[in-house]
Amino acid sequence: MADILPFRKPSPASRNKGGTLCRHGHHKWVVDKEKQFDVRQGKLVTRYRCSRCGKERVKAH
């Protein structure tokens, strides 16, 4: 027999699940304290990681 597929319109909650804010540039930055010194620059840096999507950002002091 054939598989029955649902042809129901997805609800707004299921459609927006996962990363909608991050896709529009609204990340939730959290300080990542594992790596604080950048060897290439020879400076202390602060590494930020988005808690939703995992994207990284580095800020030199």
PDB file of N, CA and C in Angstrom:
ATOM      1  N   MET A   1       0.825  -1.182   0.000  1.00  0.00           N
ATOM      2  CA  MET A   1       0.000   0.000   0.000  1.00  0.00           C
ATOM      3  C   MET A   1       0.874   1.251   0.000  1.00  0.00           C
ATOM      4  N   ALA A   2       0.261   2.338  -0.327  1.00  0.00           N
ATOM      5  CA  ALA A   2       0.971   3.612  -0.408  1.00  0.00           C
ATOM      6  C   ALA A   2       1.012   4.284   0.965  1.00  0.00           C
ATOM      7  N   ASP A   3       2.034   5.108   1.145  1.00  0.00           N
ATOM      8  CA  ASP A   3       2.125   5.896   2.377  1.00  0.00           C
ATOM      9  C   ASP A   3       1.173   7.079   2.280  1.00  0.00           C
ATOM     10  N   ILE A   4       0.514   7.381   3.369  1.00  0.00           N
ATOM     11  CA  ILE A   4      -0.409   8.519   3.406  1.00  0.00           C
ATOM     12  C   ILE A   4       0.356   9.739   3.896  1.00  0.00           C
ATOM     13  N   LEU A   5       0.355  10.798   3.108  1.00  0.00           N
ATOM     14  CA  LEU A   5       1.061  12.027   3.442  1.00  0.00           C
ATOM     15  C   LEU A   5       0.106  13.076   3.982  1.00  0.00           C
ATOM     16  N   PRO A   6       0.501  13.796   5.023  1.00  0.00           N
ATOM     17  CA  PRO A   6      -0.379  14.868   5.532  1.00  0.00           C
ATOM     18  C   PRO A   6      -0.277  16.099   4.632  1.00  0.00           C
ATOM     19  N   PHE A   7      -1.412  16.614   4.197  1.00  0.00           N
ATOM     20  CA  PHE A   7      -1.454  17.810   3.369  1.00  0.00           C
ATOM     21  C   PHE A   7      -2.018  18.990   4.150  1.00  0.00           C
ATOM     22  N   ARG A   8      -1.760  18.993   5.450  1.00  0.00           N
ATOM     23  CA  ARG A   8      -2.249  20.048   6.320  1.00  0.00           C
ATOM     24  C   ARG A   8      -1.258  21.205   6.325  1.00  0.00           C
ATOM     25  N   LYS A   9      -1.757  22.429   6.394  1.00  0.00           N
ATOM     26  CA  LYS A   9      -0.893  23.599   6.473  1.00  0.00           C
ATOM     27  C   LYS A   9      -0.171  23.585   7.820  1.00  0.00           C
ATOM     28  N   PRO A  10       1.166  23.783   7.836  1.00  0.00           N
ATOM     29  CA  PRO A  10       1.882  23.752   9.119  1.00  0.00           C
ATOM     30  C   PRO A  10       1.492  24.934  10.004  1.00  0.00           C
ATOM     31  N   SER A  11       1.444  24.670  11.290  1.00  0.00           N
ATOM     32  CA  SER A  11       1.070  25.721  12.233  1.00  0.00           C
ATOM     33  C   SER A  11       2.210  26.738  12.338  1.00  0.00           C
ATOM     34  N   PRO A  12       1.917  27.980  12.759  1.00  0.00           N
ATOM     35  CA  PRO A  12       2.984  28.980  12.900  1.00  0.00           C
ATOM     36  C   PRO A  12       4.064  28.568  13.883  1.00  0.00           C
ATOM     37  N   ALA A  13       3.713  27.829  14.915  1.00  0.00           N
ATOM     38  CA  ALA A  13       4.708  27.391  15.899  1.00  0.00           C
ATOM     39  C   ALA A  13       5.696  26.409  15.271  1.00  0.00           C
ATOM     40  N   SER A  14       5.210  25.478  14.478  1.00  0.00           N
ATOM     41  CA  SER A  14       6.110  24.513  13.853  1.00  0.00           C
ATOM     42  C   SER A  14       6.887  25.136  12.697  1.00  0.00           C
ATOM     43  N   ARG A  15       6.306  26.097  12.036  1.00  0.00           N
ATOM     44  CA  ARG A  15       6.978  26.744  10.907  1.00  0.00           C
ATOM     45  C   ARG A  15       8.132  27.626  11.376  1.00  0.00           C
ATOM     46  N   ASN A  16       7.996  28.273  12.521  1.00  0.00           N
ATOM     47  CA  ASN A  16       9.016  29.191  13.029  1.00  0.00           C
ATOM     48  C   ASN A  16       9.954  28.527  14.019  1.00  0.00           C
ATOM     49  N   LYS A  17       9.889  27.238  14.155  1.00  0.00           N
ATOM     50  CA  LYS A  17      10.728  26.545  15.135  1.00  0.00           C
ATOM     51  C   LYS A  17      12.171  26.509  14.651  1.00  0.00           C
ATOM     52  N   GLY A  18      13.065  27.075  15.449  1.00  0.00           N
ATOM     53  CA  GLY A  18      14.483  26.937  15.157  1.00  0.00           C
ATOM     54  C   GLY A  18      15.106  28.047  14.349  1.00  0.00           C
ATOM     55  N   GLY A  19      15.740  28.998  15.021  1.00  0.00           N
ATOM     56  CA  GLY A  19      16.628  29.932  14.365  1.00  0.00           C
ATOM     57  C   GLY A  19      16.014  31.105  13.651  1.00  0.00           C
ATOM     58  N   THR A  20      14.766  31.427  13.879  1.00  0.00           N
ATOM     59  CA  THR A  20      14.170  32.554  13.181  1.00  0.00           C
ATOM     60  C   THR A  20      14.827  33.854  13.609  1.00  0.00           C
ATOM     61  N   LEU A  21      15.070  34.019  14.887  1.00  0.00           N
ATOM     62  CA  LEU A  21      15.712  35.249  15.358  1.00  0.00           C
ATOM     63  C   LEU A  21      17.138  35.345  14.837  1.00  0.00           C
ATOM     64  N   CYS A  22      17.868  34.255  14.874  1.00  0.00           N
ATOM     65  CA  CYS A  22      19.262  34.275  14.430  1.00  0.00           C
ATOM     66  C   CYS A  22      19.368  34.542  12.931  1.00  0.00           C
ATOM     67  N   ARG A  23      18.427  34.067  12.152  1.00  0.00           N
ATOM     68  CA  ARG A  23      18.470  34.319  10.713  1.00  0.00           C
ATOM     69  C   ARG A  23      18.325  35.796  10.393  1.00  0.00           C
ATOM     70  N   HIS A  24      17.693  36.540  11.267  1.00  0.00           N
ATOM     71  CA  HIS A  24      17.498  37.973  11.064  1.00  0.00           C
ATOM     72  C   HIS A  24      18.504  38.812  11.855  1.00  0.00           C
ATOM     73  N   GLY A  25      19.559  38.188  12.386  1.00  0.00           N
ATOM     74  CA  GLY A  25      20.639  38.913  13.041  1.00  0.00           C
ATOM     75  C   GLY A  25      20.443  39.192  14.515  1.00  0.00           C
ATOM     76  N   HIS A  26      19.469  38.575  15.148  1.00  0.00           N
ATOM     77  CA  HIS A  26      19.220  38.787  16.582  1.00  0.00           C
ATOM     78  C   HIS A  26      19.736  37.581  17.361  1.00  0.00           C
ATOM     79  N   HIS A  27      21.059  37.519  17.504  1.00  0.00           N
ATOM     80  CA  HIS A  27      21.685  36.403  18.205  1.00  0.00           C
ATOM     81  C   HIS A  27      21.638  36.629  19.713  1.00  0.00           C
ATOM     82  N   LYS A  28      21.803  35.559  20.447  1.00  0.00           N
ATOM     83  CA  LYS A  28      21.860  35.606  21.908  1.00  0.00           C
ATOM     84  C   LYS A  28      23.296  35.288  22.302  1.00  0.00           C
ATOM     85  N   TRP A  29      24.141  36.347  22.371  1.00  0.00           N
ATOM     86  CA  TRP A  29      25.574  36.166  22.586  1.00  0.00           C
ATOM     87  C   TRP A  29      25.876  35.846  24.041  1.00  0.00           C
ATOM     88  N   VAL A  30      26.714  34.828  24.252  1.00  0.00           N
ATOM     89  CA  VAL A  30      27.172  34.403  25.567  1.00  0.00           C
ATOM     90  C   VAL A  30      28.692  34.309  25.491  1.00  0.00           C
ATOM     91  N   VAL A  31      29.392  34.776  26.536  1.00  0.00           N
ATOM     92  CA  VAL A  31      30.852  34.743  26.548  1.00  0.00           C
ATOM     93  C   VAL A  31      31.324  33.297  26.655  1.00  0.00           C
ATOM     94  N   ASP A  32      32.242  32.918  25.759  1.00  0.00           N
ATOM     95  CA  ASP A  32      32.852  31.584  25.769  1.00  0.00           C
ATOM     96  C   ASP A  32      34.226  31.727  26.404  1.00  0.00           C
ATOM     97  N   LYS A  33      34.418  31.180  27.593  1.00  0.00           N
ATOM     98  CA  LYS A  33      35.638  31.418  28.366  1.00  0.00           C
ATOM     99  C   LYS A  33      36.740  30.401  28.109  1.00  0.00           C
ATOM    100  N   GLU A  34      36.564  29.502  27.160  1.00  0.00           N
ATOM    101  CA  GLU A  34      37.583  28.497  26.908  1.00  0.00           C
ATOM    102  C   GLU A  34      38.837  29.090  26.270  1.00  0.00           C
ATOM    103  N   LYS A  35      38.656  29.976  25.298  1.00  0.00           N
ATOM    104  CA  LYS A  35      39.796  30.530  24.565  1.00  0.00           C
ATOM    105  C   LYS A  35      39.795  32.044  24.749  1.00  0.00           C
ATOM    106  N   GLN A  36      40.771  32.574  25.502  1.00  0.00           N
ATOM    107  CA  GLN A  36      40.801  34.000  25.797  1.00  0.00           C
ATOM    108  C   GLN A  36      42.017  34.701  25.213  1.00  0.00           C
ATOM    109  N   PHE A  37      42.967  33.942  24.645  1.00  0.00           N
ATOM    110  CA  PHE A  37      44.178  34.555  24.102  1.00  0.00           C
ATOM    111  C   PHE A  37      44.337  34.121  22.656  1.00  0.00           C
ATOM    112  N   ASP A  38      44.501  35.098  21.747  1.00  0.00           N
ATOM    113  CA  ASP A  38      44.670  34.804  20.341  1.00  0.00           C
ATOM    114  C   ASP A  38      46.152  34.845  20.000  1.00  0.00           C
ATOM    115  N   VAL A  39      46.683  33.759  19.508  1.00  0.00           N
ATOM    116  CA  VAL A  39      48.105  33.662  19.224  1.00  0.00           C
ATOM    117  C   VAL A  39      48.489  34.515  18.018  1.00  0.00           C
ATOM    118  N   ARG A  40      47.650  34.586  17.020  1.00  0.00           N
ATOM    119  CA  ARG A  40      47.965  35.343  15.817  1.00  0.00           C
ATOM    120  C   ARG A  40      48.066  36.837  16.097  1.00  0.00           C
ATOM    121  N   GLN A  41      47.126  37.370  16.855  1.00  0.00           N
ATOM    122  CA  GLN A  41      47.138  38.798  17.170  1.00  0.00           C
ATOM    123  C   GLN A  41      48.041  39.107  18.356  1.00  0.00           C
ATOM    124  N   GLY A  42      48.281  38.132  19.220  1.00  0.00           N
ATOM    125  CA  GLY A  42      49.080  38.345  20.413  1.00  0.00           C
ATOM    126  C   GLY A  42      48.360  39.197  21.436  1.00  0.00           C
ATOM    127  N   LYS A  43      47.048  39.096  21.472  1.00  0.00           N
ATOM    128  CA  LYS A  43      46.232  39.924  22.364  1.00  0.00           C
ATOM    129  C   LYS A  43      45.219  39.063  23.100  1.00  0.00           C
ATOM    130  N   LEU A  44      44.696  39.636  24.161  1.00  0.00           N
ATOM    131  CA  LEU A  44      43.555  39.015  24.819  1.00  0.00           C
ATOM    132  C   LEU A  44      42.313  39.309  23.984  1.00  0.00           C
ATOM    133  N   VAL A  45      41.511  38.308  23.791  1.00  0.00           N
ATOM    134  CA  VAL A  45      40.282  38.474  23.022  1.00  0.00           C
ATOM    135  C   VAL A  45      39.118  37.890  23.822  1.00  0.00           C
ATOM    136  N   THR A  46      37.938  38.346  23.520  1.00  0.00           N
ATOM    137  CA  THR A  46      36.725  37.784  24.092  1.00  0.00           C
ATOM    138  C   THR A  46      35.984  37.080  22.972  1.00  0.00           C
ATOM    139  N   ARG A  47      35.714  35.805  23.181  1.00  0.00           N
ATOM    140  CA  ARG A  47      35.018  35.017  22.166  1.00  0.00           C
ATOM    141  C   ARG A  47      33.576  34.840  22.605  1.00  0.00           C
ATOM    142  N   TYR A  48      32.654  35.226  21.753  1.00  0.00           N
ATOM    143  CA  TYR A  48      31.228  35.099  22.018  1.00  0.00           C
ATOM    144  C   TYR A  48      30.663  33.973  21.167  1.00  0.00           C
ATOM    145  N   ARG A  49      29.710  33.239  21.718  1.00  0.00           N
ATOM    146  CA  ARG A  49      29.038  32.162  20.995  1.00  0.00           C
ATOM    147  C   ARG A  49      27.529  32.340  21.175  1.00  0.00           C
ATOM    148  N   CYS A  50      26.790  32.226  20.091  1.00  0.00           N
ATOM    149  CA  CYS A  50      25.329  32.322  20.166  1.00  0.00           C
ATOM    150  C   CYS A  50      24.793  31.042  20.794  1.00  0.00           C
ATOM    151  N   SER A  51      23.967  31.194  21.816  1.00  0.00           N
ATOM    152  CA  SER A  51      23.459  30.011  22.506  1.00  0.00           C
ATOM    153  C   SER A  51      22.370  29.303  21.700  1.00  0.00           C
ATOM    154  N   ARG A  52      21.800  29.975  20.706  1.00  0.00           N
ATOM    155  CA  ARG A  52      20.760  29.342  19.881  1.00  0.00           C
ATOM    156  C   ARG A  52      21.342  28.570  18.706  1.00  0.00           C
ATOM    157  N   CYS A  53      22.207  29.236  17.915  1.00  0.00           N
ATOM    158  CA  CYS A  53      22.664  28.613  16.669  1.00  0.00           C
ATOM    159  C   CYS A  53      24.127  28.191  16.698  1.00  0.00           C
ATOM    160  N   GLY A  54      24.938  28.685  17.639  1.00  0.00           N
ATOM    161  CA  GLY A  54      26.323  28.280  17.744  1.00  0.00           C
ATOM    162  C   GLY A  54      27.306  29.128  16.953  1.00  0.00           C
ATOM    163  N   LYS A  55      26.850  30.213  16.339  1.00  0.00           N
ATOM    164  CA  LYS A  55      27.753  31.083  15.586  1.00  0.00           C
ATOM    165  C   LYS A  55      28.711  31.766  16.557  1.00  0.00           C
ATOM    166  N   GLU A  56      29.956  32.023  16.088  1.00  0.00           N
ATOM    167  CA  GLU A  56      30.971  32.616  16.952  1.00  0.00           C
ATOM    168  C   GLU A  56      31.324  34.019  16.491  1.00  0.00           C
ATOM    169  N   ARG A  57      31.713  34.846  17.461  1.00  0.00           N
ATOM    170  CA  ARG A  57      32.150  36.211  17.205  1.00  0.00           C
ATOM    171  C   ARG A  57      33.315  36.497  18.136  1.00  0.00           C
ATOM    172  N   VAL A  58      34.330  37.214  17.646  1.00  0.00           N
ATOM    173  CA  VAL A  58      35.519  37.511  18.442  1.00  0.00           C
ATOM    174  C   VAL A  58      35.676  39.016  18.529  1.00  0.00           C
ATOM    175  N   LYS A  59      35.964  39.504  19.749  1.00  0.00           N
ATOM    176  CA  LYS A  59      36.192  40.925  19.974  1.00  0.00           C
ATOM    177  C   LYS A  59      37.560  41.088  20.637  1.00  0.00           C
ATOM    178  N   ALA A  60      38.450  41.856  20.003  1.00  0.00           N
ATOM    179  CA  ALA A  60      39.784  42.087  20.542  1.00  0.00           C
ATOM    180  C   ALA A  60      39.747  43.274  21.481  1.00  0.00           C
ATOM    181  N   HIS A  61      40.586  43.230  22.505  1.00  0.00           N
ATOM    182  CA  HIS A  61      40.630  44.320  23.482  1.00  0.00           C
ATOM    183  C   HIS A  61      41.765  45.273  23.195  1.00  0.00           C
TER     184      HIS A  61
END
